[in-house]
Each structure stands twice: as C-alpha cells, then as structure tokens.
Amino acid sequence: MKTYRFDAIIELVEEMSDDEQITLINLISQRLREKRRDEIALNIVRADEEYLHEQVFRGTVNDIMAELNR
C-alpha cells in the first residue's frame, strides 16, 4: 500500500474539478458513516454479551459514583 503525505493529497484534490471534489467528499462522508455504524453495532454486540454473562454493573447513580471513587 502506497502512502502519501497529507499536503500531497490536498494538492491532488485541488487539481480535481468541483464536481469530482464534491463526489469525493460525499464518498468519504458515506464511508465514515458506515465505519461509525459498524463500530456502534460492534459495541452493541459486546454490550449484549456482557449483559448475557452478567458482566454489567447495576445500581443507582450513588452506587455508580461510589464504585468510581474506589
């Protein structure tokens, strides 16, 4: 995989037409949203597993604060 310096990438983008830049922005935004959705889905799976194995903390706000201060 070839790597590029950030400033070199910016220069390449600036050489693109306005339409190409807009398309690139939309594509990157979409990929970032998908990546974040995947991260959220993974967190949900992990939370479900922790709940299933009773690895979650339950209590009142005061209980949680007391636990955090230990």
PDB file of N, CA and C in Angstrom:
ATOM      1  N   MET A   1       0.843  -1.180   0.000  1.00  0.00           N
ATOM      2  CA  MET A   1       0.000   0.000   0.000  1.00  0.00           C
ATOM      3  C   MET A   1       0.887   1.243   0.000  1.00  0.00           C
ATOM      4  N   LYS A   2       0.638   2.122  -0.921  1.00  0.00           N
ATOM      5  CA  LYS A   2       1.411   3.338  -1.021  1.00  0.00           C
ATOM      6  C   LYS A   2       0.831   4.390  -0.095  1.00  0.00           C
ATOM      7  N   THR A   3       1.692   5.109   0.595  1.00  0.00           N
ATOM      8  CA  THR A   3       1.228   6.174   1.480  1.00  0.00           C
ATOM      9  C   THR A   3       1.607   7.531   0.892  1.00  0.00           C
ATOM     10  N   TYR A   4       0.799   8.523   1.200  1.00  0.00           N
ATOM     11  CA  TYR A   4       1.009   9.876   0.706  1.00  0.00           C
ATOM     12  C   TYR A   4       1.023  10.845   1.878  1.00  0.00           C
ATOM     13  N   ARG A   5       1.758  11.909   1.724  1.00  0.00           N
ATOM     14  CA  ARG A   5       1.723  12.967   2.724  1.00  0.00           C
ATOM     15  C   ARG A   5       0.400  13.709   2.584  1.00  0.00           C
ATOM     16  N   PHE A   6      -0.069  14.217   3.689  1.00  0.00           N
ATOM     17  CA  PHE A   6      -1.356  14.913   3.700  1.00  0.00           C
ATOM     18  C   PHE A   6      -1.369  16.077   2.719  1.00  0.00           C
ATOM     19  N   ASP A   7      -0.306  16.873   2.724  1.00  0.00           N
ATOM     20  CA  ASP A   7      -0.277  18.030   1.834  1.00  0.00           C
ATOM     21  C   ASP A   7      -0.278  17.617   0.366  1.00  0.00           C
ATOM     22  N   ALA A   8       0.324  16.475   0.048  1.00  0.00           N
ATOM     23  CA  ALA A   8       0.311  15.974  -1.331  1.00  0.00           C
ATOM     24  C   ALA A   8      -1.101  15.566  -1.735  1.00  0.00           C
ATOM     25  N   ILE A   9      -1.829  14.974  -0.801  1.00  0.00           N
ATOM     26  CA  ILE A   9      -3.215  14.582  -1.072  1.00  0.00           C
ATOM     27  C   ILE A   9      -4.068  15.820  -1.319  1.00  0.00           C
ATOM     28  N   ILE A  10      -3.879  16.853  -0.508  1.00  0.00           N
ATOM     29  CA  ILE A  10      -4.635  18.097  -0.678  1.00  0.00           C
ATOM     30  C   ILE A  10      -4.358  18.696  -2.055  1.00  0.00           C
ATOM     31  N   GLU A  11      -3.111  18.669  -2.462  1.00  0.00           N
ATOM     32  CA  GLU A  11      -2.763  19.192  -3.783  1.00  0.00           C
ATOM     33  C   GLU A  11      -3.467  18.408  -4.886  1.00  0.00           C
ATOM     34  N   LEU A  12      -3.511  17.093  -4.738  1.00  0.00           N
ATOM     35  CA  LEU A  12      -4.201  16.260  -5.732  1.00  0.00           C
ATOM     36  C   LEU A  12      -5.692  16.598  -5.783  1.00  0.00           C
ATOM     37  N   VAL A  13      -6.294  16.769  -4.616  1.00  0.00           N
ATOM     38  CA  VAL A  13      -7.718  17.091  -4.552  1.00  0.00           C
ATOM     39  C   VAL A  13      -7.975  18.449  -5.195  1.00  0.00           C
ATOM     40  N   GLU A  14      -7.107  19.398  -4.937  1.00  0.00           N
ATOM     41  CA  GLU A  14      -7.291  20.734  -5.510  1.00  0.00           C
ATOM     42  C   GLU A  14      -7.203  20.728  -7.035  1.00  0.00           C
ATOM     43  N   GLU A  15      -6.528  19.729  -7.595  1.00  0.00           N
ATOM     44  CA  GLU A  15      -6.441  19.608  -9.053  1.00  0.00           C
ATOM     45  C   GLU A  15      -7.721  19.038  -9.659  1.00  0.00           C
ATOM     46  N   MET A  16      -8.580  18.474  -8.837  1.00  0.00           N
ATOM     47  CA  MET A  16      -9.833  17.895  -9.323  1.00  0.00           C
ATOM     48  C   MET A  16     -10.835  18.999  -9.659  1.00  0.00           C
ATOM     49  N   SER A  17     -11.786  18.656 -10.492  1.00  0.00           N
ATOM     50  CA  SER A  17     -12.880  19.594 -10.777  1.00  0.00           C
ATOM     51  C   SER A  17     -13.761  19.723  -9.535  1.00  0.00           C
ATOM     52  N   ASP A  18     -14.597  20.739  -9.522  1.00  0.00           N
ATOM     53  CA  ASP A  18     -15.519  20.928  -8.392  1.00  0.00           C
ATOM     54  C   ASP A  18     -16.417  19.708  -8.220  1.00  0.00           C
ATOM     55  N   ASP A  19     -16.928  19.187  -9.319  1.00  0.00           N
ATOM     56  CA  ASP A  19     -17.806  18.011  -9.247  1.00  0.00           C
ATOM     57  C   ASP A  19     -17.077  16.804  -8.676  1.00  0.00           C
ATOM     58  N   GLU A  20     -15.824  16.612  -9.066  1.00  0.00           N
ATOM     59  CA  GLU A  20     -15.045  15.490  -8.538  1.00  0.00           C
ATOM     60  C   GLU A  20     -14.776  15.668  -7.048  1.00  0.00           C
ATOM     61  N   GLN A  21     -14.521  16.904  -6.639  1.00  0.00           N
ATOM     62  CA  GLN A  21     -14.296  17.164  -5.216  1.00  0.00           C
ATOM     63  C   GLN A  21     -15.550  16.886  -4.407  1.00  0.00           C
ATOM     64  N   ILE A  22     -16.693  17.300  -4.917  1.00  0.00           N
ATOM     65  CA  ILE A  22     -17.963  17.049  -4.225  1.00  0.00           C
ATOM     66  C   ILE A  22     -18.221  15.551  -4.132  1.00  0.00           C
ATOM     67  N   THR A  23     -17.956  14.828  -5.215  1.00  0.00           N
ATOM     68  CA  THR A  23     -18.132  13.379  -5.209  1.00  0.00           C
ATOM     69  C   THR A  23     -17.203  12.731  -4.187  1.00  0.00           C
ATOM     70  N   LEU A  24     -15.973  13.194  -4.122  1.00  0.00           N
ATOM     71  CA  LEU A  24     -15.010  12.661  -3.150  1.00  0.00           C
ATOM     72  C   LEU A  24     -15.466  12.929  -1.724  1.00  0.00           C
ATOM     73  N   ILE A  25     -15.928  14.144  -1.468  1.00  0.00           N
ATOM     74  CA  ILE A  25     -16.422  14.490  -0.130  1.00  0.00           C
ATOM     75  C   ILE A  25     -17.589  13.590   0.258  1.00  0.00           C
ATOM     76  N   ASN A  26     -18.524  13.402  -0.658  1.00  0.00           N
ATOM     77  CA  ASN A  26     -19.685  12.547  -0.380  1.00  0.00           C
ATOM     78  C   ASN A  26     -19.261  11.108  -0.128  1.00  0.00           C
ATOM     79  N   LEU A  27     -18.317  10.631  -0.919  1.00  0.00           N
ATOM     80  CA  LEU A  27     -17.838   9.250  -0.754  1.00  0.00           C
ATOM     81  C   LEU A  27     -17.157   9.063   0.602  1.00  0.00           C
ATOM     82  N   ILE A  28     -16.290   9.996   0.962  1.00  0.00           N
ATOM     83  CA  ILE A  28     -15.599   9.902   2.254  1.00  0.00           C
ATOM     84  C   ILE A  28     -16.598  10.004   3.400  1.00  0.00           C
ATOM     85  N   SER A  29     -17.560  10.908   3.292  1.00  0.00           N
ATOM     86  CA  SER A  29     -18.584  11.040   4.334  1.00  0.00           C
ATOM     87  C   SER A  29     -19.380   9.758   4.502  1.00  0.00           C
ATOM     88  N   GLN A  30     -19.760   9.157   3.390  1.00  0.00           N
ATOM     89  CA  GLN A  30     -20.518   7.910   3.436  1.00  0.00           C
ATOM     90  C   GLN A  30     -19.700   6.799   4.095  1.00  0.00           C
ATOM     91  N   ARG A  31     -18.435   6.697   3.722  1.00  0.00           N
ATOM     92  CA  ARG A  31     -17.584   5.654   4.312  1.00  0.00           C
ATOM     93  C   ARG A  31     -17.380   5.871   5.800  1.00  0.00           C
ATOM     94  N   LEU A  32     -17.240   7.128   6.228  1.00  0.00           N
ATOM     95  CA  LEU A  32     -17.107   7.412   7.652  1.00  0.00           C
ATOM     96  C   LEU A  32     -18.378   7.061   8.417  1.00  0.00           C
ATOM     97  N   ARG A  33     -19.548   7.359   7.826  1.00  0.00           N
ATOM     98  CA  ARG A  33     -20.820   6.982   8.468  1.00  0.00           C
ATOM     99  C   ARG A  33     -20.916   5.467   8.602  1.00  0.00           C
ATOM    100  N   GLU A  34     -20.559   4.740   7.543  1.00  0.00           N
ATOM    101  CA  GLU A  34     -20.611   3.278   7.581  1.00  0.00           C
ATOM    102  C   GLU A  34     -19.651   2.722   8.622  1.00  0.00           C
ATOM    103  N   LYS A  35     -18.457   3.299   8.694  1.00  0.00           N
ATOM    104  CA  LYS A  35     -17.473   2.856   9.686  1.00  0.00           C
ATOM    105  C   LYS A  35     -18.012   3.070  11.098  1.00  0.00           C
ATOM    106  N   ARG A  36     -18.622   4.232  11.329  1.00  0.00           N
ATOM    107  CA  ARG A  36     -19.178   4.530  12.653  1.00  0.00           C
ATOM    108  C   ARG A  36     -20.338   3.595  12.993  1.00  0.00           C
ATOM    109  N   ARG A  37     -21.195   3.311  11.990  1.00  0.00           N
ATOM    110  CA  ARG A  37     -22.294   2.359  12.215  1.00  0.00           C
ATOM    111  C   ARG A  37     -21.754   0.986  12.597  1.00  0.00           C
ATOM    112  N   ASP A  38     -20.683   0.551  11.912  1.00  0.00           N
ATOM    113  CA  ASP A  38     -20.070  -0.737  12.232  1.00  0.00           C
ATOM    114  C   ASP A  38     -19.525  -0.749  13.658  1.00  0.00           C
ATOM    115  N   GLU A  39     -18.898   0.366  14.065  1.00  0.00           N
ATOM    116  CA  GLU A  39     -18.380   0.467  15.433  1.00  0.00           C
ATOM    117  C   GLU A  39     -19.508   0.406  16.452  1.00  0.00           C
ATOM    118  N   ILE A  40     -20.601   1.101  16.178  1.00  0.00           N
ATOM    119  CA  ILE A  40     -21.752   1.090  17.088  1.00  0.00           C
ATOM    120  C   ILE A  40     -22.341  -0.313  17.172  1.00  0.00           C
ATOM    121  N   ALA A  41     -22.480  -0.989  16.021  1.00  0.00           N
ATOM    122  CA  ALA A  41     -23.017  -2.354  16.007  1.00  0.00           C
ATOM    123  C   ALA A  41     -22.134  -3.290  16.819  1.00  0.00           C
ATOM    124  N   LEU A  42     -20.807  -3.145  16.697  1.00  0.00           N
ATOM    125  CA  LEU A  42     -19.890  -3.982  17.463  1.00  0.00           C
ATOM    126  C   LEU A  42     -20.033  -3.706  18.956  1.00  0.00           C
ATOM    127  N   ASN A  43     -20.184  -2.436  19.326  1.00  0.00           N
ATOM    128  CA  ASN A  43     -20.382  -2.085  20.738  1.00  0.00           C
ATOM    129  C   ASN A  43     -21.670  -2.696  21.282  1.00  0.00           C
ATOM    130  N   ILE A  44     -22.710  -2.739  20.468  1.00  0.00           N
ATOM    131  CA  ILE A  44     -23.976  -3.336  20.893  1.00  0.00           C
ATOM    132  C   ILE A  44     -23.797  -4.826  21.126  1.00  0.00           C
ATOM    133  N   VAL A  45     -23.097  -5.492  20.218  1.00  0.00           N
ATOM    134  CA  VAL A  45     -22.850  -6.937  20.367  1.00  0.00           C
ATOM    135  C   VAL A  45     -22.065  -7.193  21.646  1.00  0.00           C
ATOM    136  N   ARG A  46     -21.026  -6.392  21.883  1.00  0.00           N
ATOM    137  CA  ARG A  46     -20.217  -6.563  23.105  1.00  0.00           C
ATOM    138  C   ARG A  46     -21.058  -6.315  24.354  1.00  0.00           C
ATOM    139  N   ALA A  47     -21.887  -5.285  24.320  1.00  0.00           N
ATOM    140  CA  ALA A  47     -22.735  -4.977  25.477  1.00  0.00           C
ATOM    141  C   ALA A  47     -23.723  -6.105  25.734  1.00  0.00           C
ATOM    142  N   ASP A  48     -24.298  -6.657  24.667  1.00  0.00           N
ATOM    143  CA  ASP A  48     -25.222  -7.782  24.819  1.00  0.00           C
ATOM    144  C   ASP A  48     -24.519  -8.987  25.437  1.00  0.00           C
ATOM    145  N   GLU A  49     -23.288  -9.254  25.003  1.00  0.00           N
ATOM    146  CA  GLU A  49     -22.526 -10.381  25.558  1.00  0.00           C
ATOM    147  C   GLU A  49     -22.214 -10.148  27.027  1.00  0.00           C
ATOM    148  N   GLU A  50     -21.820  -8.927  27.370  1.00  0.00           N
ATOM    149  CA  GLU A  50     -21.536  -8.606  28.768  1.00  0.00           C
ATOM    150  C   GLU A  50     -22.790  -8.749  29.620  1.00  0.00           C
ATOM    151  N   TYR A  51     -23.914  -8.301  29.102  1.00  0.00           N
ATOM    152  CA  TYR A  51     -25.173  -8.422  29.836  1.00  0.00           C
ATOM    153  C   TYR A  51     -25.545  -9.882  30.007  1.00  0.00           C
ATOM    154  N   LEU A  52     -25.379 -10.664  28.945  1.00  0.00           N
ATOM    155  CA  LEU A  52     -25.693 -12.086  28.990  1.00  0.00           C
ATOM    156  C   LEU A  52     -24.846 -12.816  30.031  1.00  0.00           C
ATOM    157  N   HIS A  53     -23.591 -12.414  30.168  1.00  0.00           N
ATOM    158  CA  HIS A  53     -22.676 -13.057  31.117  1.00  0.00           C
ATOM    159  C   HIS A  53     -22.636 -12.328  32.461  1.00  0.00           C
ATOM    160  N   GLU A  54     -23.621 -11.455  32.677  1.00  0.00           N
ATOM    161  CA  GLU A  54     -23.755 -10.707  33.928  1.00  0.00           C
ATOM    162  C   GLU A  54     -22.483  -9.951  34.289  1.00  0.00           C
ATOM    163  N   GLN A  55     -21.871  -9.319  33.279  1.00  0.00           N
ATOM    164  CA  GLN A  55     -20.651  -8.543  33.489  1.00  0.00           C
ATOM    165  C   GLN A  55     -20.944  -7.043  33.456  1.00  0.00           C
ATOM    166  N   VAL A  56     -22.148  -6.684  33.795  1.00  0.00           N
ATOM    167  CA  VAL A  56     -22.523  -5.272  33.817  1.00  0.00           C
ATOM    168  C   VAL A  56     -22.755  -4.842  35.257  1.00  0.00           C
ATOM    169  N   PHE A  57     -22.556  -3.578  35.498  1.00  0.00           N
ATOM    170  CA  PHE A  57     -22.783  -3.023  36.824  1.00  0.00           C
ATOM    171  C   PHE A  57     -24.173  -2.430  36.871  1.00  0.00           C
ATOM    172  N   ARG A  58     -24.906  -2.768  37.905  1.00  0.00           N
ATOM    173  CA  ARG A  58     -26.245  -2.223  38.094  1.00  0.00           C
ATOM    174  C   ARG A  58     -26.304  -1.514  39.421  1.00  0.00           C
ATOM    175  N   GLY A  59     -27.009  -0.410  39.433  1.00  0.00           N
ATOM    176  CA  GLY A  59     -27.163   0.320  40.681  1.00  0.00           C
ATOM    177  C   GLY A  59     -27.678   1.712  40.424  1.00  0.00           C
ATOM    178  N   THR A  60     -27.820   2.429  41.514  1.00  0.00           N
ATOM    179  CA  THR A  60     -28.273   3.810  41.429  1.00  0.00           C
ATOM    180  C   THR A  60     -27.093   4.699  41.029  1.00  0.00           C
ATOM    181  N   VAL A  61     -27.379   5.952  40.791  1.00  0.00           N
ATOM    182  CA  VAL A  61     -26.313   6.904  40.483  1.00  0.00           C
ATOM    183  C   VAL A  61     -25.325   6.962  41.637  1.00  0.00           C
ATOM    184  N   ASN A  62     -25.825   6.944  42.859  1.00  0.00           N
ATOM    185  CA  ASN A  62     -24.947   6.963  44.032  1.00  0.00           C
ATOM    186  C   ASN A  62     -24.079   5.722  44.086  1.00  0.00           C
ATOM    187  N   ASP A  63     -24.636   4.556  43.743  1.00  0.00           N
ATOM    188  CA  ASP A  63     -23.863   3.302  43.694  1.00  0.00           C
ATOM    189  C   ASP A  63     -22.747   3.410  42.667  1.00  0.00           C
ATOM    190  N   ILE A  64     -23.076   3.953  41.523  1.00  0.00           N
ATOM    191  CA  ILE A  64     -22.077   4.076  40.450  1.00  0.00           C
ATOM    192  C   ILE A  64     -20.990   5.048  40.859  1.00  0.00           C
ATOM    193  N   MET A  65     -21.356   6.173  41.438  1.00  0.00           N
ATOM    194  CA  MET A  65     -20.365   7.152  41.890  1.00  0.00           C
ATOM    195  C   MET A  65     -19.452   6.563  42.963  1.00  0.00           C
ATOM    196  N   ALA A  66     -20.033   5.801  43.876  1.00  0.00           N
ATOM    197  CA  ALA A  66     -19.241   5.160  44.915  1.00  0.00           C
ATOM    198  C   ALA A  66     -18.264   4.159  44.294  1.00  0.00           C
ATOM    199  N   GLU A  67     -18.716   3.417  43.312  1.00  0.00           N
ATOM    200  CA  GLU A  67     -17.855   2.442  42.628  1.00  0.00           C
ATOM    201  C   GLU A  67     -16.728   3.146  41.894  1.00  0.00           C
ATOM    202  N   LEU A  68     -17.021   4.263  41.261  1.00  0.00           N
ATOM    203  CA  LEU A  68     -15.988   5.009  40.520  1.00  0.00           C
ATOM    204  C   LEU A  68     -14.954   5.622  41.452  1.00  0.00           C
ATOM    205  N   ASN A  69     -15.376   5.948  42.668  1.00  0.00           N
ATOM    206  CA  ASN A  69     -14.446   6.566  43.629  1.00  0.00           C
ATOM    207  C   ASN A  69     -13.566   5.558  44.343  1.00  0.00           C
ATOM    208  N   ARG A  70     -13.823   4.282  44.138  1.00  0.00           N
ATOM    209  CA  ARG A  70     -12.990   3.257  44.799  1.00  0.00           C
ATOM    210  C   ARG A  70     -11.651   3.136  44.157  1.00  0.00           C
TER     211      ARG A  70
END
